[in-house]
Amino acid sequence: MLWKCTKEHRWTASFDSIKNKRLWCPYCLRILSILLRWLQLIKVETVFQINILMVHLI
């Protein structure tokens, strides 16, 4: 099946992988994992700091 997330990314996946395995957009997942690694590297530790960074990234 063809799927599309709210960011307009498109990919193919089975209905089972979406419903039962709870996997969603692989592109958004990759962006999130990169962002989390980056936040760890620069040692962002507070929610306030994360909010400031997110405002500038989006």
C-alpha atoms as a PDB file:
ATOM      1  CA  MET A   1       0.000   0.000   0.000  1.00  0.00           C
ATOM      2  CA  LEU A   2       1.070   3.584  -0.598  1.00  0.00           C
ATOM      3  CA  TRP A   3       1.048   5.890   2.455  1.00  0.00           C
ATOM      4  CA  LYS A   4       1.510   9.643   2.936  1.00  0.00           C
ATOM      5  CA  CYS A   5       2.306  11.436   6.205  1.00  0.00           C
ATOM      6  CA  THR A   6       1.328  14.987   7.156  1.00  0.00           C
ATOM      7  CA  LYS A   7       4.680  16.248   5.830  1.00  0.00           C
ATOM      8  CA  GLU A   8       3.765  14.871   2.370  1.00  0.00           C
ATOM      9  CA  HIS A   9       6.378  12.053   2.493  1.00  0.00           C
ATOM     10  CA  ARG A  10       5.250   8.981   0.529  1.00  0.00           C
ATOM     11  CA  TRP A  11       6.340   5.371   1.013  1.00  0.00           C
ATOM     12  CA  THR A  12       5.048   1.840   0.621  1.00  0.00           C
ATOM     13  CA  ALA A  13       4.276  -0.419   3.567  1.00  0.00           C
ATOM     14  CA  SER A  14       1.865  -3.179   4.449  1.00  0.00           C
ATOM     15  CA  PHE A  15      -1.264  -2.444   6.456  1.00  0.00           C
ATOM     16  CA  ASP A  16       0.106  -4.803   9.135  1.00  0.00           C
ATOM     17  CA  SER A  17       3.295  -2.763   9.580  1.00  0.00           C
ATOM     18  CA  ILE A  18       1.257   0.396  10.121  1.00  0.00           C
ATOM     19  CA  LYS A  19      -1.462  -1.042  12.353  1.00  0.00           C
ATOM     20  CA  ASN A  20       0.264  -3.784  14.369  1.00  0.00           C
ATOM     21  CA  LYS A  21       3.942  -2.876  14.328  1.00  0.00           C
ATOM     22  CA  ARG A  22       3.153   0.829  14.730  1.00  0.00           C
ATOM     23  CA  LEU A  23       5.685   1.885  12.137  1.00  0.00           C
ATOM     24  CA  TRP A  24       4.964   5.143  10.391  1.00  0.00           C
ATOM     25  CA  CYS A  25       6.854   7.477   8.069  1.00  0.00           C
ATOM     26  CA  PRO A  26      10.471   6.326   7.665  1.00  0.00           C
ATOM     27  CA  TYR A  27      11.535   9.811   6.533  1.00  0.00           C
ATOM     28  CA  CYS A  28      10.131  11.542   9.621  1.00  0.00           C
ATOM     29  CA  LEU A  29      11.608   8.811  11.813  1.00  0.00           C
ATOM     30  CA  ARG A  30      15.054   9.390  10.303  1.00  0.00           C
ATOM     31  CA  ILE A  31      14.779  13.174  10.782  1.00  0.00           C
ATOM     32  CA  LEU A  32      13.733  12.653  14.403  1.00  0.00           C
ATOM     33  CA  SER A  33      16.598  10.262  15.133  1.00  0.00           C
ATOM     34  CA  ILE A  34      19.115  12.693  13.593  1.00  0.00           C
ATOM     35  CA  LEU A  35      17.672  15.540  15.649  1.00  0.00           C
ATOM     36  CA  LEU A  36      17.852  13.519  18.872  1.00  0.00           C
ATOM     37  CA  ARG A  37      21.482  12.567  18.219  1.00  0.00           C
ATOM     38  CA  TRP A  38      22.317  16.186  17.467  1.00  0.00           C
ATOM     39  CA  LEU A  39      20.648  17.347  20.696  1.00  0.00           C
ATOM     40  CA  GLN A  40      22.704  14.800  22.633  1.00  0.00           C
ATOM     41  CA  LEU A  41      25.904  15.964  20.982  1.00  0.00           C
ATOM     42  CA  ILE A  42      25.363  19.598  21.847  1.00  0.00           C
ATOM     43  CA  LYS A  43      24.143  18.591  25.323  1.00  0.00           C
ATOM     44  CA  VAL A  44      20.768  20.267  25.202  1.00  0.00           C
ATOM     45  CA  GLU A  45      19.233  19.320  28.509  1.00  0.00           C
ATOM     46  CA  THR A  46      16.217  21.507  29.149  1.00  0.00           C
ATOM     47  CA  VAL A  47      12.837  21.696  27.489  1.00  0.00           C
ATOM     48  CA  PHE A  48      13.340  25.443  27.116  1.00  0.00           C
ATOM     49  CA  GLN A  49      16.530  24.910  25.092  1.00  0.00           C
ATOM     50  CA  ILE A  50      14.808  22.310  22.895  1.00  0.00           C
ATOM     51  CA  ASN A  51      11.868  24.645  22.231  1.00  0.00           C
ATOM     52  CA  ILE A  52      14.223  27.450  21.195  1.00  0.00           C
ATOM     53  CA  LEU A  53      16.053  25.126  18.792  1.00  0.00           C
ATOM     54  CA  MET A  54      12.825  23.747  17.310  1.00  0.00           C
ATOM     55  CA  VAL A  55      11.556  27.249  16.563  1.00  0.00           C
ATOM     56  CA  HIS A  56      14.689  27.914  14.533  1.00  0.00           C
ATOM     57  CA  LEU A  57      14.636  24.548  12.743  1.00  0.00           C
ATOM     58  CA  ILE A  58      11.031  24.652  11.591  1.00  0.00           C
END
